[in-house]
Amino acid sequence: MKDRKRQRENRRIKHQEELLSKRSECGYKDMTPYNAVLRIKTKGKAGVVLK
């Protein structure tokens, strides 16, 4: 029999959204949208990433 807990874990891994890119369409580094989404996902607990 399959383990339901393991099935849920695998589903969670497969259905994660990918993070926004740290680079804009033009190729320069723009951290504003990346940091904004990261703060939303962690409910404001994430710090600002500068690299």
PDB file of N, CA and C in Angstrom:
ATOM      1  N   MET A   1       0.831  -1.187   0.000  1.00  0.00           N
ATOM      2  CA  MET A   1       0.000   0.000   0.000  1.00  0.00           C
ATOM      3  C   MET A   1       0.875   1.249   0.000  1.00  0.00           C
ATOM      4  N   LYS A   2       0.355   2.290  -0.635  1.00  0.00           N
ATOM      5  CA  LYS A   2       1.089   3.539  -0.684  1.00  0.00           C
ATOM      6  C   LYS A   2       0.889   4.314   0.614  1.00  0.00           C
ATOM      7  N   ASP A   3       1.927   5.003   1.003  1.00  0.00           N
ATOM      8  CA  ASP A   3       1.879   5.817   2.204  1.00  0.00           C
ATOM      9  C   ASP A   3       1.307   7.190   1.847  1.00  0.00           C
ATOM     10  N   ARG A   4       0.190   7.551   2.451  1.00  0.00           N
ATOM     11  CA  ARG A   4      -0.499   8.810   2.130  1.00  0.00           C
ATOM     12  C   ARG A   4       0.362  10.028   2.463  1.00  0.00           C
ATOM     13  N   LYS A   5       1.102   9.940   3.549  1.00  0.00           N
ATOM     14  CA  LYS A   5       1.956  11.062   3.951  1.00  0.00           C
ATOM     15  C   LYS A   5       3.031  11.320   2.896  1.00  0.00           C
ATOM     16  N   ARG A   6       3.613  10.251   2.386  1.00  0.00           N
ATOM     17  CA  ARG A   6       4.639  10.391   1.351  1.00  0.00           C
ATOM     18  C   ARG A   6       4.037  10.921   0.047  1.00  0.00           C
ATOM     19  N   GLN A   7       2.812  10.509  -0.272  1.00  0.00           N
ATOM     20  CA  GLN A   7       2.137  11.002  -1.468  1.00  0.00           C
ATOM     21  C   GLN A   7       1.912  12.508  -1.383  1.00  0.00           C
ATOM     22  N   ARG A   8       1.475  12.973  -0.224  1.00  0.00           N
ATOM     23  CA  ARG A   8       1.242  14.413  -0.038  1.00  0.00           C
ATOM     24  C   ARG A   8       2.542  15.197  -0.168  1.00  0.00           C
ATOM     25  N   GLU A   9       3.606  14.661   0.400  1.00  0.00           N
ATOM     26  CA  GLU A   9       4.910  15.324   0.321  1.00  0.00           C
ATOM     27  C   GLU A   9       5.379  15.436  -1.129  1.00  0.00           C
ATOM     28  N   ASN A  10       5.236  14.343  -1.892  1.00  0.00           N
ATOM     29  CA  ASN A  10       5.629  14.370  -3.299  1.00  0.00           C
ATOM     30  C   ASN A  10       4.786  15.353  -4.097  1.00  0.00           C
ATOM     31  N   ARG A  11       3.499  15.406  -3.811  1.00  0.00           N
ATOM     32  CA  ARG A  11       2.623  16.345  -4.510  1.00  0.00           C
ATOM     33  C   ARG A  11       3.023  17.779  -4.200  1.00  0.00           C
ATOM     34  N   ARG A  12       3.354  18.062  -2.964  1.00  0.00           N
ATOM     35  CA  ARG A  12       3.763  19.402  -2.558  1.00  0.00           C
ATOM     36  C   ARG A  12       5.038  19.814  -3.299  1.00  0.00           C
ATOM     37  N   ILE A  13       5.966  18.887  -3.451  1.00  0.00           N
ATOM     38  CA  ILE A  13       7.225  19.169  -4.150  1.00  0.00           C
ATOM     39  C   ILE A  13       6.979  19.441  -5.628  1.00  0.00           C
ATOM     40  N   LYS A  14       6.118  18.641  -6.255  1.00  0.00           N
ATOM     41  CA  LYS A  14       5.870  18.778  -7.693  1.00  0.00           C
ATOM     42  C   LYS A  14       5.093  20.025  -8.048  1.00  0.00           C
ATOM     43  N   HIS A  15       4.246  20.511  -7.133  1.00  0.00           N
ATOM     44  CA  HIS A  15       3.366  21.625  -7.455  1.00  0.00           C
ATOM     45  C   HIS A  15       3.827  22.957  -6.889  1.00  0.00           C
ATOM     46  N   GLN A  16       5.098  23.086  -6.568  1.00  0.00           N
ATOM     47  CA  GLN A  16       5.608  24.362  -6.086  1.00  0.00           C
ATOM     48  C   GLN A  16       5.766  25.329  -7.245  1.00  0.00           C
ATOM     49  N   GLU A  17       5.484  26.591  -6.964  1.00  0.00           N
ATOM     50  CA  GLU A  17       5.695  27.612  -7.977  1.00  0.00           C
ATOM     51  C   GLU A  17       7.173  27.961  -8.021  1.00  0.00           C
ATOM     52  N   GLU A  18       7.652  28.286  -9.202  1.00  0.00           N
ATOM     53  CA  GLU A  18       9.044  28.694  -9.292  1.00  0.00           C
ATOM     54  C   GLU A  18       9.156  30.173  -8.942  1.00  0.00           C
ATOM     55  N   LEU A  19      10.274  30.559  -8.339  1.00  0.00           N
ATOM     56  CA  LEU A  19      10.488  31.947  -7.958  1.00  0.00           C
ATOM     57  C   LEU A  19      10.694  32.817  -9.186  1.00  0.00           C
ATOM     58  N   LEU A  20      10.405  34.087  -9.023  1.00  0.00           N
ATOM     59  CA  LEU A  20      10.676  35.034 -10.098  1.00  0.00           C
ATOM     60  C   LEU A  20      12.171  35.130 -10.338  1.00  0.00           C
ATOM     61  N   SER A  21      12.525  35.507 -11.534  1.00  0.00           N
ATOM     62  CA  SER A  21      13.935  35.681 -11.871  1.00  0.00           C
ATOM     63  C   SER A  21      14.470  36.957 -11.225  1.00  0.00           C
ATOM     64  N   LYS A  22      15.743  36.941 -10.885  1.00  0.00           N
ATOM     65  CA  LYS A  22      16.375  38.124 -10.314  1.00  0.00           C
ATOM     66  C   LYS A  22      16.793  39.109 -11.408  1.00  0.00           C
ATOM     67  N   ARG A  23      16.693  38.691 -12.644  1.00  0.00           N
ATOM     68  CA  ARG A  23      17.086  39.539 -13.774  1.00  0.00           C
ATOM     69  C   ARG A  23      15.852  39.941 -14.568  1.00  0.00           C
ATOM     70  N   SER A  24      15.873  41.151 -15.092  1.00  0.00           N
ATOM     71  CA  SER A  24      14.751  41.647 -15.887  1.00  0.00           C
ATOM     72  C   SER A  24      14.847  41.117 -17.313  1.00  0.00           C
ATOM     73  N   GLU A  25      13.872  41.495 -18.129  1.00  0.00           N
ATOM     74  CA  GLU A  25      13.861  41.080 -19.537  1.00  0.00           C
ATOM     75  C   GLU A  25      15.101  41.568 -20.280  1.00  0.00           C
ATOM     76  N   CYS A  26      15.614  42.724 -19.895  1.00  0.00           N
ATOM     77  CA  CYS A  26      16.775  43.306 -20.571  1.00  0.00           C
ATOM     78  C   CYS A  26      18.098  42.717 -20.088  1.00  0.00           C
ATOM     79  N   GLY A  27      18.062  41.964 -19.000  1.00  0.00           N
ATOM     80  CA  GLY A  27      19.267  41.301 -18.527  1.00  0.00           C
ATOM     81  C   GLY A  27      19.927  41.947 -17.323  1.00  0.00           C
ATOM     82  N   TYR A  28      19.445  43.120 -16.891  1.00  0.00           N
ATOM     83  CA  TYR A  28      20.056  43.723 -15.711  1.00  0.00           C
ATOM     84  C   TYR A  28      19.359  43.211 -14.453  1.00  0.00           C
ATOM     85  N   LYS A  29      20.073  43.266 -13.343  1.00  0.00           N
ATOM     86  CA  LYS A  29      19.570  42.711 -12.092  1.00  0.00           C
ATOM     87  C   LYS A  29      18.564  43.672 -11.451  1.00  0.00           C
ATOM     88  N   ASP A  30      17.356  43.193 -11.214  1.00  0.00           N
ATOM     89  CA  ASP A  30      16.303  43.974 -10.570  1.00  0.00           C
ATOM     90  C   ASP A  30      15.702  43.116  -9.462  1.00  0.00           C
ATOM     91  N   MET A  31      16.042  43.405  -8.222  1.00  0.00           N
ATOM     92  CA  MET A  31      15.640  42.568  -7.092  1.00  0.00           C
ATOM     93  C   MET A  31      14.270  42.942  -6.516  1.00  0.00           C
ATOM     94  N   THR A  32      13.664  44.043  -6.957  1.00  0.00           N
ATOM     95  CA  THR A  32      12.417  44.510  -6.355  1.00  0.00           C
ATOM     96  C   THR A  32      11.286  43.486  -6.456  1.00  0.00           C
ATOM     97  N   PRO A  33      10.929  42.974  -7.642  1.00  0.00           N
ATOM     98  CA  PRO A  33       9.839  41.994  -7.690  1.00  0.00           C
ATOM     99  C   PRO A  33      10.187  40.691  -6.977  1.00  0.00           C
ATOM    100  N   TYR A  34      11.448  40.266  -7.053  1.00  0.00           N
ATOM    101  CA  TYR A  34      11.893  39.033  -6.394  1.00  0.00           C
ATOM    102  C   TYR A  34      11.695  39.153  -4.886  1.00  0.00           C
ATOM    103  N   ASN A  35      12.146  40.256  -4.309  1.00  0.00           N
ATOM    104  CA  ASN A  35      12.009  40.457  -2.865  1.00  0.00           C
ATOM    105  C   ASN A  35      10.555  40.611  -2.450  1.00  0.00           C
ATOM    106  N   ALA A  36       9.753  41.278  -3.271  1.00  0.00           N
ATOM    107  CA  ALA A  36       8.341  41.468  -2.939  1.00  0.00           C
ATOM    108  C   ALA A  36       7.616  40.128  -2.868  1.00  0.00           C
ATOM    109  N   VAL A  37       7.826  39.270  -3.843  1.00  0.00           N
ATOM    110  CA  VAL A  37       7.165  37.963  -3.858  1.00  0.00           C
ATOM    111  C   VAL A  37       7.674  37.094  -2.714  1.00  0.00           C
ATOM    112  N   LEU A  38       8.964  37.163  -2.428  1.00  0.00           N
ATOM    113  CA  LEU A  38       9.527  36.382  -1.328  1.00  0.00           C
ATOM    114  C   LEU A  38       8.917  36.798   0.003  1.00  0.00           C
ATOM    115  N   ARG A  39       8.706  38.100   0.198  1.00  0.00           N
ATOM    116  CA  ARG A  39       8.086  38.579   1.444  1.00  0.00           C
ATOM    117  C   ARG A  39       6.627  38.157   1.530  1.00  0.00           C
ATOM    118  N   ILE A  40       5.921  38.136   0.403  1.00  0.00           N
ATOM    119  CA  ILE A  40       4.518  37.708   0.399  1.00  0.00           C
ATOM    120  C   ILE A  40       4.421  36.227   0.756  1.00  0.00           C
ATOM    121  N   LYS A  41       5.306  35.408   0.170  1.00  0.00           N
ATOM    122  CA  LYS A  41       5.262  33.963   0.418  1.00  0.00           C
ATOM    123  C   LYS A  41       5.578  33.613   1.866  1.00  0.00           C
ATOM    124  N   THR A  42       6.445  34.411   2.530  1.00  0.00           N
ATOM    125  CA  THR A  42       6.832  34.113   3.898  1.00  0.00           C
ATOM    126  C   THR A  42       6.083  34.976   4.917  1.00  0.00           C
ATOM    127  N   LYS A  43       5.057  35.678   4.460  1.00  0.00           N
ATOM    128  CA  LYS A  43       4.237  36.539   5.317  1.00  0.00           C
ATOM    129  C   LYS A  43       5.081  37.605   6.026  1.00  0.00           C
ATOM    130  N   GLY A  44       6.015  38.203   5.304  1.00  0.00           N
ATOM    131  CA  GLY A  44       6.806  39.316   5.810  1.00  0.00           C
ATOM    132  C   GLY A  44       8.013  38.935   6.643  1.00  0.00           C
ATOM    133  N   LYS A  45       8.305  37.655   6.776  1.00  0.00           N
ATOM    134  CA  LYS A  45       9.418  37.223   7.615  1.00  0.00           C
ATOM    135  C   LYS A  45      10.754  37.197   6.891  1.00  0.00           C
ATOM    136  N   ALA A  46      10.732  37.245   5.560  1.00  0.00           N
ATOM    137  CA  ALA A  46      11.976  37.171   4.781  1.00  0.00           C
ATOM    138  C   ALA A  46      12.657  38.548   4.767  1.00  0.00           C
ATOM    139  N   GLY A  47      13.949  38.528   4.837  1.00  0.00           N
ATOM    140  CA  GLY A  47      14.712  39.752   4.731  1.00  0.00           C
ATOM    141  C   GLY A  47      14.913  40.128   3.280  1.00  0.00           C
ATOM    142  N   VAL A  48      15.461  41.302   3.040  1.00  0.00           N
ATOM    143  CA  VAL A  48      15.717  41.776   1.684  1.00  0.00           C
ATOM    144  C   VAL A  48      17.018  41.148   1.176  1.00  0.00           C
ATOM    145  N   VAL A  49      16.956  40.531   0.000  1.00  0.00           N
ATOM    146  CA  VAL A  49      18.120  39.902  -0.622  1.00  0.00           C
ATOM    147  C   VAL A  49      18.736  40.908  -1.567  1.00  0.00           C
ATOM    148  N   LEU A  50      20.025  41.141  -1.447  1.00  0.00           N
ATOM    149  CA  LEU A  50      20.690  42.132  -2.297  1.00  0.00           C
ATOM    150  C   LEU A  50      21.544  41.518  -3.381  1.00  0.00           C
ATOM    151  N   LYS A  51      21.844  40.242  -3.296  1.00  0.00           N
ATOM    152  CA  LYS A  51      22.737  39.622  -4.283  1.00  0.00           C
ATOM    153  C   LYS A  51      21.961  38.976  -5.387  1.00  0.00           C
TER     154      LYS A  51
END
